[in-house]
Amino acid sequence: MMKDFLGNEYGPGDLVIYAAASGRSITMVIGRVVKINERTEIDYDSPIGGGKRGYNKKPVEDREGNKMVSVTVQPLNSSRWRQHDPRTYYVDKRTGARIKDRYKHVKEHSYSTLNSTGERLPDSCALWTLYKEESTGYGYQVQQPYKNPDYVSSELRTYHPTVFEDYVEERDEGPKPVTITVTENIVKWSGELPDVP
């Protein structure tokens, strides 16, 4: 069991809140404790031996000689939840294997059509500016911007997303457990689990 700075004990299965650094801001995260780990480090004074290369590990201790631990937590909610948005991945339903490059399994690529006529638009229709190479006359090439003649504003066109083959299944992978080494920032949460925004 661990004890937070308020004196509350927590362990695997308990809800906790902790602060997570995010750019220039702090995100407050609520999660469930998965396990408490004894922190270890390589002991360069203790070779493995027996014909094997490498070194044994030893517990990490603080200045007072106490063994240090880390806490593995499964994030469940956050004050800025998009940091923990599920990640999309694709699976071949025929084999159950994960697809590395989904664009090798496309039935029809994405495209846009003009709302007024249904005409299919060039792929560059969403780009306001294009670039073309021009010579400076001194042996250098520069990228010169110019207005795209095929540009159509988003209000006048409809986007049709990529359609994959029937055997491609889209899945969401939830946030993975995180291991927290600065355990002083963990506080036991005794309330109800807030709804995910």
Foldseek 3Di string as FASTA:
>chain_A
DDAEPVGDDDAAQFKKWFWDDDVPDIKIWIWGWHGKAFDKDFDPVAAPDPPDGGGDIDFDADPVRHGAIKIKTDTDAMPPCVVFFWDKWKAQQVVRHTDDDQVVFFPFAKWKAFPVPRHTADPCQCPQKDWDWDDPVPPDIDTDIDGDPRHDDPVGMDIDHTHGDPRMDMDTHGGDIDMGRPCNRMGTDPDDDDDHD
